[in-house]
Protein backbone atom coordinates (compact mmCIF):
# COMPACT_ATOMS: atom_id res chain seq x y z
CA UNK A 1 1.82 -11.81 -37.51
CA UNK A 2 1.01 -8.66 -35.78
CA UNK A 3 3.47 -7.25 -32.62
CA UNK A 4 0.57 -5.82 -30.90
CA UNK A 5 -1.25 -6.57 -28.10
CA UNK A 6 -5.16 -5.59 -27.19
CA UNK A 7 -5.95 -4.75 -23.89
CA UNK A 8 -9.37 -4.58 -22.71
CA UNK A 9 -9.52 -1.92 -19.64
CA UNK A 10 -11.24 0.10 -17.78
CA UNK A 11 -10.61 3.84 -17.59
CA UNK A 12 -12.11 7.76 -16.47
CA UNK A 13 -12.05 10.14 -19.64
CA UNK A 14 -11.60 12.96 -16.93
CA UNK A 15 -10.97 13.70 -13.53
CA UNK A 16 -13.70 12.36 -11.34
CA UNK A 17 -15.31 10.69 -13.96
CA UNK A 18 -17.13 7.39 -14.05
CA UNK A 19 -14.90 4.39 -15.14
CA UNK A 20 -15.79 2.90 -19.31
CA UNK A 21 -14.81 0.68 -21.06
CA UNK A 22 -10.93 1.40 -22.91
CA UNK A 23 -9.61 -0.72 -25.35
CA UNK A 24 -5.56 -0.03 -25.99
CA UNK A 25 -2.71 -1.63 -28.17
CA UNK A 26 0.62 -2.03 -27.04
CA UNK A 27 3.49 -3.09 -29.29
CA UNK A 28 6.72 -5.39 -29.38
CA UNK A 29 7.51 -6.54 -25.36
CA UNK A 30 10.56 -4.60 -24.41
CA UNK A 31 13.23 -6.97 -23.75
CA UNK A 32 13.14 -6.46 -20.04
CA UNK A 33 9.66 -5.96 -19.49
CA UNK A 34 6.75 -8.85 -18.56
CA UNK A 35 3.38 -8.82 -19.39
CA UNK A 36 1.09 -10.36 -17.20
CA UNK A 37 -2.81 -11.43 -17.60
CA UNK A 38 -4.59 -9.69 -14.41
CA UNK A 39 -6.35 -12.54 -12.21
CA UNK A 40 -7.35 -9.42 -9.30
CA UNK A 41 -6.34 -6.29 -8.73
CA UNK A 42 -7.33 -4.39 -5.42
CA UNK A 43 -8.97 -0.76 -5.39
CA UNK A 44 -6.36 1.92 -3.09
CA UNK A 45 -7.71 5.64 -2.42
CA UNK A 46 -4.71 6.52 -4.50
CA UNK A 47 -6.49 4.91 -7.43
CA UNK A 48 -9.57 7.71 -6.32
CA UNK A 49 -6.76 10.25 -5.97
CA UNK A 50 -5.13 9.47 -9.37
CA UNK A 51 -9.10 9.03 -10.90
CA UNK A 52 -9.88 12.69 -9.51
CA UNK A 53 -6.77 14.47 -10.56
CA UNK A 54 -5.78 15.50 -6.36
CA UNK A 55 -2.03 15.31 -6.89
CA UNK A 56 -2.25 17.44 -10.23
CA UNK A 57 -0.18 14.44 -12.25
CA UNK A 58 -3.12 12.37 -13.84
CA UNK A 59 -3.51 11.86 -17.19
CA UNK A 60 -6.44 10.49 -19.13
CA UNK A 61 -7.91 8.64 -20.46
CA UNK A 62 -6.34 6.76 -16.68
CA UNK A 63 -6.37 2.96 -16.12
CA UNK A 64 -5.84 2.87 -12.35
CA UNK A 65 -4.82 -0.25 -10.80
CA UNK A 66 -2.01 -0.76 -8.83
CA UNK A 67 -2.43 -3.89 -6.44
CA UNK A 68 -2.25 -6.49 -9.11
CA UNK A 69 -1.99 -10.28 -8.71
CA UNK A 70 -1.33 -11.45 -12.30
CA UNK A 71 -0.18 -14.43 -14.17
CA UNK A 72 3.22 -13.92 -16.59
CA UNK A 73 1.65 -14.24 -19.94
CA UNK A 74 4.93 -13.20 -21.67
CA UNK A 75 8.53 -12.10 -20.85
CA UNK A 76 10.77 -10.47 -22.60
CA UNK A 77 14.18 -11.65 -23.99
CA UNK A 78 16.38 -10.27 -21.61
CA UNK A 79 14.14 -11.74 -18.57
CA UNK A 80 15.80 -14.60 -16.68
CA UNK A 81 14.61 -14.73 -13.33
CA UNK A 82 10.54 -15.12 -14.08
CA UNK A 83 9.23 -17.63 -16.69
CA UNK A 84 5.45 -17.95 -18.37
CA UNK A 85 3.19 -18.78 -15.73
CA UNK A 86 4.79 -17.76 -12.62
CA UNK A 87 1.90 -16.14 -10.12
CA UNK A 88 3.77 -12.25 -9.19
CA UNK A 89 2.56 -9.32 -7.91
CA UNK A 90 2.98 -5.44 -9.39
CA UNK A 91 2.62 -2.71 -6.87
CA UNK A 92 2.68 1.18 -7.08
CA UNK A 93 5.65 1.12 -9.01
CA UNK A 94 6.25 -0.55 -12.60
CA UNK A 95 10.39 0.68 -13.33
CA UNK A 96 13.03 1.99 -11.76
CA UNK A 97 15.99 3.25 -13.13
CA UNK A 98 18.71 0.76 -11.93
CA UNK A 99 21.39 2.57 -11.48
CA UNK A 100 21.13 5.81 -9.26
CA UNK A 101 22.17 5.50 -5.75
CA UNK A 102 18.97 4.67 -4.44
CA UNK A 103 18.83 1.48 -6.64
CA UNK A 104 22.39 1.08 -6.19
CA UNK A 105 21.76 -0.09 -2.71
CA UNK A 106 18.57 -2.02 -2.88
CA UNK A 107 16.32 0.99 -2.22
CA UNK A 108 14.40 0.80 -5.77
CA UNK A 109 11.20 2.38 -4.35
CA UNK A 110 13.31 5.92 -3.49
CA UNK A 111 14.74 6.05 -7.28
CA UNK A 112 14.21 9.74 -8.71
CA UNK A 113 12.74 8.59 -11.73
CA UNK A 114 10.99 5.47 -10.98
CA UNK A 115 7.73 5.13 -12.65
CA UNK A 116 4.43 4.58 -11.05
CA UNK A 117 2.24 2.06 -12.46
CA UNK A 118 -0.26 4.28 -12.81
CA UNK A 119 1.39 7.58 -13.77
CA UNK A 120 1.92 8.41 -17.17
CA UNK A 121 1.01 4.61 -17.58
CA UNK A 122 -2.05 2.62 -17.83
CA UNK A 123 -2.33 0.21 -14.78
CA UNK A 124 -4.55 -3.12 -13.73
CA UNK A 125 -8.00 -2.31 -13.98
CA UNK A 126 -7.61 -4.15 -17.26
CA UNK A 127 -7.39 -7.98 -18.24
CA UNK A 128 -3.58 -7.44 -18.91
CA UNK A 129 -0.99 -5.15 -17.88
CA UNK A 130 2.78 -4.28 -18.38
CA UNK A 131 5.97 -3.33 -16.39
CA UNK A 132 9.42 -4.43 -16.00
CA UNK A 133 10.41 -7.57 -14.66
CA UNK A 134 12.49 -5.79 -12.06
CA UNK A 135 9.39 -4.33 -10.41
CA UNK A 136 7.22 -7.66 -9.95
CA UNK A 137 7.64 -9.76 -7.14
CA UNK A 138 6.74 -13.73 -7.28
CA UNK A 139 3.90 -14.55 -5.07
CA UNK A 140 5.06 -17.55 -2.72
CA UNK A 141 2.92 -20.79 -2.86
CA UNK A 142 0.64 -20.50 0.14
CA UNK A 143 -0.76 -17.08 0.12
CA UNK A 144 -4.20 -16.36 -0.67
CA UNK A 145 -4.39 -14.80 -4.03
CA UNK A 146 -7.58 -13.04 -3.50
CA UNK A 147 -6.58 -11.21 -0.82
CA UNK A 148 -2.81 -10.46 -1.82
CA UNK A 149 -3.19 -7.60 -4.20
CA UNK A 150 -3.57 -4.84 -0.84
CA UNK A 151 -0.27 -6.15 0.17
CA UNK A 152 1.15 -4.49 -2.13
CA UNK A 153 0.21 -1.14 -1.36
CA UNK A 154 -1.58 -0.78 1.78
CA UNK A 155 0.19 -3.86 3.10
CA UNK A 156 3.88 -2.87 2.16
CA UNK A 157 3.42 0.95 3.05
CA UNK A 158 2.90 -0.91 6.95
CA UNK A 159 5.77 -3.34 6.46
CA UNK A 160 8.30 -1.09 5.45
CA UNK A 161 8.71 0.73 8.51
CA UNK A 162 9.16 -1.85 10.64
CA UNK A 163 12.55 -3.12 8.40
CA UNK A 164 13.57 0.64 7.91
CA UNK A 165 13.60 1.20 11.33
CA UNK A 166 14.50 -1.93 12.91
CA UNK A 167 11.10 -2.14 15.11
CA UNK A 168 11.86 -4.51 17.94
CA UNK A 169 9.49 -7.33 18.96
CA UNK A 170 9.92 -5.68 22.58
CA UNK A 171 8.34 -2.60 21.47
CA UNK A 172 5.02 -0.79 22.37
CA UNK A 173 3.70 0.85 19.28
CA UNK A 174 0.64 2.15 18.22
CA UNK A 175 -1.11 2.59 15.30
CA UNK A 176 -3.40 5.65 14.03
CA UNK A 177 -6.46 5.13 12.48
CA UNK A 178 -7.86 1.32 11.71
CA UNK A 179 -8.69 1.49 7.80
CA UNK A 180 -7.42 -0.46 4.87
CA UNK A 181 -3.56 0.35 5.97
CA UNK A 182 -4.22 0.16 9.89
CA UNK A 183 -5.65 -3.12 10.00
CA UNK A 184 -2.77 -4.66 7.64
CA UNK A 185 -0.44 -3.26 10.45
CA UNK A 186 -2.09 -4.48 13.59
CA UNK A 187 -1.58 -8.02 11.75
CA UNK A 188 1.09 -7.61 11.07
CA UNK A 189 2.86 -5.80 14.39
CA UNK A 190 1.05 -8.20 16.24
CA UNK A 191 2.75 -11.05 14.58
CA UNK A 192 5.76 -8.99 14.88
CA UNK A 193 5.90 -9.86 18.61
CA UNK A 194 4.94 -5.94 19.30
CA UNK A 195 2.75 -4.73 22.31
CA UNK A 196 0.49 -3.21 19.81
CA UNK A 197 -2.07 -0.23 20.91
CA UNK A 198 -4.87 0.95 18.07
CA UNK A 199 -6.02 4.50 18.14
CA UNK A 200 -9.22 4.64 16.82
CA UNK A 201 -12.35 7.14 16.63
CA UNK A 202 -14.59 4.39 16.00
CA UNK A 203 -16.46 2.38 18.79
CA UNK A 204 -17.44 -0.05 15.99
CA UNK A 205 -13.78 -0.76 15.35
CA UNK A 206 -12.66 -1.29 18.73
CA UNK A 207 -13.65 -5.05 18.74
CA UNK A 208 -12.41 -5.60 15.33
CA UNK A 209 -8.82 -4.23 16.24
CA UNK A 210 -8.70 -6.42 19.36
CA UNK A 211 -9.77 -9.25 16.74
CA UNK A 212 -6.98 -8.21 14.50
CA UNK A 213 -4.34 -8.20 16.74
CA UNK A 214 -4.47 -5.28 18.79
CA UNK A 215 -4.14 -5.69 22.39
CA UNK A 216 -5.49 -2.12 23.79
CA UNK A 217 -7.55 0.60 22.30
CA UNK A 218 -7.17 4.24 22.52
CA UNK A 219 -10.30 6.79 21.73
CA UNK A 220 -8.28 9.12 19.48
CA UNK A 221 -10.84 11.79 20.36
CA UNK A 222 -10.54 11.68 23.93
CA UNK A 223 -7.80 13.99 24.98
CA UNK A 224 -7.69 12.82 28.66
CA UNK A 225 -7.17 9.53 27.46
CA UNK A 226 -4.34 10.43 25.38
CA UNK A 227 -2.75 12.62 27.71
CA UNK A 228 -2.57 9.31 29.82
CA UNK A 229 -0.60 7.31 27.71
CA UNK A 230 2.31 9.78 27.62
CA UNK A 231 5.52 8.17 27.56
CA UNK A 232 4.04 4.99 26.45
CA UNK A 233 5.41 3.97 22.71
CA UNK A 234 8.31 3.31 20.96
CA UNK A 235 6.86 3.89 17.36
CA UNK A 236 3.81 5.29 16.62
CA UNK A 237 2.61 4.43 12.67
CA UNK A 238 -0.05 7.30 11.26
CA UNK A 239 -1.79 5.97 8.79
CA UNK A 240 -4.70 8.88 8.41
CA UNK A 241 -5.15 11.62 6.19
CA UNK A 242 -6.34 14.47 8.25
CA UNK A 243 -4.81 16.57 10.82
CA UNK A 244 -4.62 15.78 14.29
CA UNK A 245 -3.37 17.24 17.40
CA UNK A 246 0.39 15.89 16.30
CA UNK A 247 1.76 17.47 19.88
CA UNK A 248 -0.47 15.47 21.87
CA UNK A 249 1.01 12.16 19.83
CA UNK A 250 4.81 13.02 20.01
CA UNK A 251 3.95 13.16 24.18
CA UNK A 252 2.91 9.27 24.07
CA UNK A 253 6.33 8.76 22.62
CA UNK A 254 9.20 7.00 24.71
CA UNK A 255 12.01 9.09 25.09
CA UNK A 256 13.91 7.80 21.18
CA UNK A 257 10.42 7.23 19.90
CA UNK A 258 9.30 8.08 16.74
CA UNK A 259 6.18 9.20 15.29
CA UNK A 260 6.03 7.90 11.14
CA UNK A 261 3.92 8.89 8.97
CA UNK A 262 2.81 6.80 5.99
CA UNK A 263 -0.89 8.17 5.19
CA UNK A 264 -0.85 11.52 3.21
CA UNK A 265 -1.77 14.14 5.64
CA UNK A 266 -1.46 17.11 3.24
CA UNK A 267 -1.68 19.73 5.90
CA UNK A 268 1.44 20.91 7.56
CA UNK A 269 2.70 19.41 10.85
CA UNK A 270 2.47 21.53 13.34
CA UNK A 271 4.54 20.34 16.37
CA UNK A 272 6.76 21.86 18.73
CA UNK A 273 10.35 21.05 18.60
CA UNK A 274 11.00 21.12 22.04
CA UNK A 275 8.97 17.94 22.98
CA UNK A 276 11.44 16.52 20.05
CA UNK A 277 14.49 18.04 21.87
CA UNK A 278 14.21 16.97 25.15
CA UNK A 279 12.71 13.33 24.64
CA UNK A 280 15.39 12.80 21.54
CA UNK A 281 12.12 11.89 19.63
CA UNK A 282 11.98 11.69 16.21
CA UNK A 283 9.41 12.36 13.06
CA UNK A 284 9.91 10.70 9.96
CA UNK A 285 7.76 9.07 6.87
CA UNK A 286 8.30 6.66 3.94
CA UNK A 287 6.33 5.16 0.73
CA UNK A 288 5.96 1.99 -0.09
CA UNK A 289 8.79 -0.71 -0.34
CA UNK A 290 11.83 -2.03 -2.83
CA UNK A 291 11.15 -5.35 -4.61
CA UNK A 292 13.29 -6.80 -1.80
CA UNK A 293 11.27 -5.53 1.00
CA UNK A 294 7.95 -6.41 -1.12
CA UNK A 295 9.31 -10.16 -1.09
CA UNK A 296 10.27 -10.08 2.70
CA UNK A 297 6.72 -8.96 3.64
CA UNK A 298 5.15 -11.62 1.05
CA UNK A 299 7.49 -14.66 3.09
CA UNK A 300 6.10 -13.04 6.20
CA UNK A 301 2.60 -13.07 5.36
CA UNK A 302 2.94 -16.38 4.34
CA UNK A 303 4.46 -17.45 7.58
CA UNK A 304 1.81 -16.29 9.55
CA UNK A 305 -0.79 -16.52 7.05
CA UNK A 306 -1.60 -12.73 7.43
CA UNK A 307 -4.52 -11.71 5.38
CA UNK A 308 -5.73 -8.17 4.33
CA UNK A 309 -9.54 -8.03 5.00
CA UNK A 310 -11.21 -7.64 1.55
CA UNK A 311 -14.46 -7.34 0.00
CA UNK A 312 -14.76 -8.82 -3.54
CA UNK A 313 -16.05 -7.62 -6.86
CA UNK A 314 -16.02 -8.68 -10.55
CA UNK A 315 -14.19 -6.43 -12.95
CA UNK A 316 -16.87 -5.82 -14.38
CA UNK A 317 -18.46 -4.13 -11.86
CA UNK A 318 -15.70 -1.36 -11.22
CA UNK A 319 -17.78 1.64 -10.77
CA UNK A 320 -20.02 0.22 -7.73
CA UNK A 321 -16.92 -1.47 -6.29
CA UNK A 322 -15.90 2.41 -6.34
CA UNK A 323 -18.77 3.57 -5.06
CA UNK A 324 -18.33 1.63 -2.17
CA UNK A 325 -15.13 2.33 -1.25
CA UNK A 326 -15.90 6.14 -1.55
CA UNK A 327 -18.53 5.68 1.17
CA UNK A 328 -15.90 4.50 3.82
CA UNK A 329 -18.01 1.35 4.58
CA UNK A 330 -15.85 -1.07 3.01
CA UNK A 331 -14.09 -3.31 5.37
CA UNK A 332 -11.58 -2.81 4.69
CA UNK A 333 -9.71 -3.05 1.27
CA UNK A 334 -11.98 -3.72 -2.03
CA UNK A 335 -10.39 -5.99 -4.26
CA UNK A 336 -11.44 -6.74 -8.16
CA UNK A 337 -11.16 -9.87 -9.89
CA UNK A 338 -10.83 -11.19 -13.45
CA UNK A 339 -11.98 -14.77 -12.81
C-alpha cells in the first residue's frame, strides 16, 4: 500500500503568471497533521501578492489559497481533538512552534516561526490540503459554509483588534475603506453594539455601507467633512493599502483614541507626534488572530448570522475568478467551490 497521496491543484509557475493545473504528491501524514478535502476556498488580495511575488518570499510553483473550508479526511496518529468528517477552517497560518512565549500565552498568530499556509508550502487552491491540527478550527453548525472562507483571513483580521484592544459596545468606531475587509468590519462592529461610521470615497458604496451596519458615512475625499469629525471616534480601523493624510484621521480621534491598521499600506506613516501626545492617542496594527480568537469569531458570526458578501466560482474557473478580483468590481469577496 502506497504512503503517498496525490493532490490536484492550480499553481502559478512564475511571478504574475496565470494558474495552471498542477499535481503533486505528499508522503505519509505527520502525527500532528490533518489532511482536508477542500470544499471551498476564498481568494484574497494576499494570494495575488504572493502570486506576483510582491513581498519577495514566493516560491514557484505556488499554490495559493488560505481561506479554506474543508472536511477532515485523515488525522495524524497524535491528533485527538479532531475526527474524520469534521468541517474546519484553515487560514493564513498552518503551523506554530508551540513552545515560544507567544504560543504559550495563546498568541500563536504572533509566533515568529509560524508557517504561512501559502509560504513555502501549498495552499487550498486544490482538492486537498494539509496543515498542523492545532491550526485548523472547527466550524460551528449554522455557519454558511459557502461564504465562511473569507472569515478566515479578512474576517479574523478585522475581528482580532476588537478582542485585543477591548473595543466596547459604547464606542464610536470608524472604518476606512469599504471593501473585502471593511464590509465585514461593518457587520462585526454593528453587531458588537458600536456606533459605526464608514469612510468611503465611493458614492456607490454609501448605501451599501449603511445596509451592512454603518450608522453614518463620511466622504474620505472631502477634507472639510473629515475635519468636521474632529474628536469623534474612540477607534478607527484602516483597511486600505494606500497612503492617506493620516494626520486628518488622527484628529478625528477622541482623547485616548486609537488608529489601527490592518490594511498593508506599504508607504511610511507620516504622522505628527504632537496630536498623539496631547490627546494621548495611539497608533497600532495587527495581523490575523490566534486559533482561539478565530473560534470566538466563528461563534460571534454564528450567533449574529454574519456572512461575508461573496461571489462564487467553481475551482476550474480560477483564472476568471482572479481576473474578477483584480478588476476591483467584486462585491466583496470571491470564493471558489469544489462542489
